[in-house]
Amino acid sequence: MRPEDLRSVSGLPSVKLYFYPTPDAVTRLCLRNENVRGISVLGPSAGTGNMVRQLLAAGAKVTAAEIDPGRAV
């Protein structure tokens, strides 16, 4: 199956799968006052892994998935 084959809930084609990357600065701001060391985090739509990398660097245990092979790293 290719991402182009997927359809949204409305039945309309989801060719681009609507990708909204989280800027690194936003993730840093979110993690600034949080201790995620040792916490399990699920990233069900990981995109290019911007948040995943920062969560791992902060010590979180991350399980991530990305359906678009062009974005998965």
N, C-alpha and C. Protein backbone atom coordinates (compact mmCIF):
# COMPACT_ATOMS: atom_id res chain seq x y z
N MET A 1 0.84 -1.18 0.00
CA MET A 1 0.00 0.00 0.00
C MET A 1 0.89 1.24 0.00
N ARG A 2 0.48 2.21 -0.77
CA ARG A 2 1.20 3.47 -0.83
C ARG A 2 0.38 4.55 -0.13
N PRO A 3 1.01 5.59 0.40
CA PRO A 3 0.25 6.67 1.03
C PRO A 3 -0.82 7.25 0.12
N GLU A 4 -0.54 7.27 -1.19
CA GLU A 4 -1.53 7.80 -2.14
C GLU A 4 -2.81 6.97 -2.17
N ASP A 5 -2.71 5.73 -1.71
CA ASP A 5 -3.88 4.84 -1.72
C ASP A 5 -4.81 5.08 -0.54
N LEU A 6 -4.34 5.81 0.45
CA LEU A 6 -5.14 6.02 1.65
C LEU A 6 -6.22 7.04 1.41
N ARG A 7 -7.29 6.91 2.14
CA ARG A 7 -8.40 7.86 2.04
C ARG A 7 -8.73 8.38 3.43
N SER A 8 -9.16 9.63 3.49
CA SER A 8 -9.53 10.23 4.76
C SER A 8 -10.90 9.70 5.20
N VAL A 9 -11.33 10.09 6.38
CA VAL A 9 -12.63 9.68 6.90
C VAL A 9 -13.75 10.08 5.96
N SER A 10 -13.60 11.23 5.31
CA SER A 10 -14.63 11.71 4.40
C SER A 10 -14.65 10.93 3.09
N GLY A 11 -13.63 10.11 2.86
CA GLY A 11 -13.56 9.37 1.61
C GLY A 11 -12.77 10.10 0.54
N LEU A 12 -12.38 11.34 0.81
CA LEU A 12 -11.60 12.09 -0.16
C LEU A 12 -10.14 11.63 -0.13
N PRO A 13 -9.48 11.63 -1.26
CA PRO A 13 -8.07 11.21 -1.26
C PRO A 13 -7.22 12.10 -0.36
N SER A 14 -6.31 11.47 0.36
CA SER A 14 -5.36 12.19 1.21
C SER A 14 -3.98 12.06 0.61
N VAL A 15 -3.78 12.65 -0.54
CA VAL A 15 -2.53 12.49 -1.26
C VAL A 15 -1.34 12.99 -0.47
N LYS A 16 -1.45 14.14 0.15
CA LYS A 16 -0.31 14.71 0.87
C LYS A 16 -0.24 14.28 2.33
N LEU A 17 -1.25 13.64 2.84
CA LEU A 17 -1.31 13.19 4.23
C LEU A 17 -1.04 14.32 5.20
N TYR A 18 -1.30 15.53 4.81
CA TYR A 18 -1.22 16.73 5.63
C TYR A 18 -0.10 16.68 6.65
N PHE A 19 1.03 17.18 6.27
CA PHE A 19 2.23 17.15 7.10
C PHE A 19 2.47 18.53 7.70
N TYR A 20 2.46 18.60 9.03
CA TYR A 20 2.69 19.85 9.75
C TYR A 20 3.84 19.63 10.72
N PRO A 21 5.08 19.84 10.29
CA PRO A 21 6.21 19.59 11.18
C PRO A 21 6.24 20.55 12.36
N THR A 22 6.57 20.03 13.52
CA THR A 22 6.69 20.86 14.72
C THR A 22 8.08 21.49 14.72
N PRO A 23 8.17 22.81 14.78
CA PRO A 23 9.49 23.46 14.81
C PRO A 23 10.26 23.05 16.06
N ASP A 24 11.58 22.91 15.90
CA ASP A 24 12.43 22.52 17.03
C ASP A 24 12.24 23.45 18.23
N ALA A 25 12.09 24.74 17.98
CA ALA A 25 11.94 25.71 19.08
C ALA A 25 10.68 25.42 19.90
N VAL A 26 9.62 24.97 19.25
CA VAL A 26 8.37 24.66 19.96
C VAL A 26 8.56 23.43 20.84
N THR A 27 9.23 22.42 20.31
CA THR A 27 9.48 21.22 21.12
C THR A 27 10.36 21.55 22.31
N ARG A 28 11.40 22.34 22.07
CA ARG A 28 12.27 22.75 23.20
C ARG A 28 11.47 23.49 24.26
N LEU A 29 10.58 24.37 23.85
CA LEU A 29 9.74 25.11 24.79
C LEU A 29 8.85 24.17 25.60
N CYS A 30 8.27 23.19 24.92
CA CYS A 30 7.40 22.22 25.61
C CYS A 30 8.17 21.38 26.61
N LEU A 31 9.41 21.05 26.28
CA LEU A 31 10.21 20.17 27.15
C LEU A 31 10.98 20.93 28.22
N ARG A 32 11.02 22.24 28.11
CA ARG A 32 11.85 23.05 28.99
C ARG A 32 11.59 22.77 30.47
N ASN A 33 10.35 22.66 30.86
CA ASN A 33 10.01 22.47 32.28
C ASN A 33 9.47 21.08 32.58
N GLU A 34 9.73 20.15 31.69
CA GLU A 34 9.23 18.79 31.87
C GLU A 34 10.39 17.81 31.99
N ASN A 35 10.25 16.84 32.87
CA ASN A 35 11.23 15.77 32.99
C ASN A 35 10.63 14.53 32.33
N VAL A 36 11.12 14.19 31.16
CA VAL A 36 10.59 13.03 30.44
C VAL A 36 11.52 11.84 30.52
N ARG A 37 12.61 11.97 31.28
CA ARG A 37 13.57 10.87 31.39
C ARG A 37 12.87 9.60 31.87
N GLY A 38 13.00 8.54 31.06
CA GLY A 38 12.43 7.24 31.42
C GLY A 38 10.96 7.08 31.10
N ILE A 39 10.31 8.12 30.63
CA ILE A 39 8.88 8.05 30.31
C ILE A 39 8.69 7.49 28.91
N SER A 40 7.71 6.62 28.74
CA SER A 40 7.39 6.07 27.42
C SER A 40 6.49 7.04 26.67
N VAL A 41 6.89 7.35 25.42
CA VAL A 41 6.14 8.30 24.59
C VAL A 41 5.83 7.62 23.27
N LEU A 42 4.58 7.72 22.82
CA LEU A 42 4.16 7.18 21.54
C LEU A 42 4.04 8.33 20.55
N GLY A 43 4.71 8.20 19.41
CA GLY A 43 4.60 9.17 18.32
C GLY A 43 3.94 8.49 17.14
N PRO A 44 2.59 8.48 17.07
CA PRO A 44 1.90 7.72 16.03
C PRO A 44 1.97 8.35 14.65
N SER A 45 2.45 9.55 14.55
CA SER A 45 2.60 10.22 13.26
C SER A 45 3.88 11.05 13.35
N ALA A 46 5.01 10.37 13.30
CA ALA A 46 6.29 10.98 13.66
C ALA A 46 6.88 11.90 12.60
N GLY A 47 6.36 11.87 11.40
CA GLY A 47 6.89 12.75 10.36
C GLY A 47 8.37 12.50 10.12
N THR A 48 9.16 13.55 10.13
CA THR A 48 10.60 13.42 9.91
C THR A 48 11.38 13.22 11.20
N GLY A 49 10.69 13.14 12.32
CA GLY A 49 11.33 12.81 13.59
C GLY A 49 11.83 13.99 14.40
N ASN A 50 11.41 15.20 14.09
CA ASN A 50 11.87 16.37 14.84
C ASN A 50 11.63 16.21 16.33
N MET A 51 10.41 15.88 16.71
CA MET A 51 10.09 15.73 18.13
C MET A 51 10.76 14.49 18.71
N VAL A 52 10.80 13.42 17.94
CA VAL A 52 11.38 12.17 18.41
C VAL A 52 12.84 12.38 18.84
N ARG A 53 13.62 13.05 18.01
CA ARG A 53 15.03 13.27 18.33
C ARG A 53 15.19 14.03 19.65
N GLN A 54 14.38 15.05 19.84
CA GLN A 54 14.51 15.84 21.08
C GLN A 54 14.03 15.07 22.30
N LEU A 55 12.98 14.28 22.12
CA LEU A 55 12.51 13.45 23.24
C LEU A 55 13.57 12.42 23.63
N LEU A 56 14.18 11.80 22.64
CA LEU A 56 15.25 10.84 22.93
C LEU A 56 16.41 11.51 23.63
N ALA A 57 16.79 12.68 23.17
CA ALA A 57 17.89 13.43 23.79
C ALA A 57 17.58 13.79 25.24
N ALA A 58 16.28 13.96 25.54
CA ALA A 58 15.86 14.30 26.90
C ALA A 58 15.67 13.06 27.76
N GLY A 59 15.90 11.87 27.18
CA GLY A 59 15.84 10.64 27.97
C GLY A 59 14.54 9.87 27.91
N ALA A 60 13.62 10.26 27.05
CA ALA A 60 12.36 9.53 26.93
C ALA A 60 12.57 8.24 26.14
N LYS A 61 11.70 7.28 26.38
CA LYS A 61 11.67 6.03 25.61
C LYS A 61 10.59 6.22 24.54
N VAL A 62 10.98 6.34 23.30
CA VAL A 62 10.06 6.71 22.24
C VAL A 62 9.77 5.54 21.31
N THR A 63 8.49 5.31 21.05
CA THR A 63 8.04 4.41 20.00
C THR A 63 7.36 5.28 18.97
N ALA A 64 7.89 5.28 17.75
CA ALA A 64 7.38 6.19 16.73
C ALA A 64 7.04 5.44 15.45
N ALA A 65 6.04 5.95 14.75
CA ALA A 65 5.63 5.38 13.46
C ALA A 65 5.32 6.50 12.49
N GLU A 66 5.59 6.26 11.23
CA GLU A 66 5.26 7.21 10.18
C GLU A 66 4.85 6.41 8.94
N ILE A 67 3.66 6.68 8.43
CA ILE A 67 3.14 5.92 7.31
C ILE A 67 3.78 6.30 5.98
N ASP A 68 4.26 7.50 5.85
CA ASP A 68 4.85 7.96 4.59
C ASP A 68 6.33 7.60 4.56
N PRO A 69 6.73 6.66 3.73
CA PRO A 69 8.14 6.24 3.70
C PRO A 69 9.09 7.35 3.28
N GLY A 70 8.59 8.36 2.63
CA GLY A 70 9.43 9.48 2.23
C GLY A 70 9.81 10.37 3.40
N ARG A 71 9.04 10.31 4.48
CA ARG A 71 9.34 11.12 5.66
C ARG A 71 9.97 10.31 6.76
N ALA A 72 9.70 9.03 6.82
CA ALA A 72 10.21 8.19 7.90
C ALA A 72 11.73 8.13 7.84
N VAL A 73 12.33 8.29 9.00
CA VAL A 73 13.80 8.23 9.07
C VAL A 73 14.24 7.18 10.08
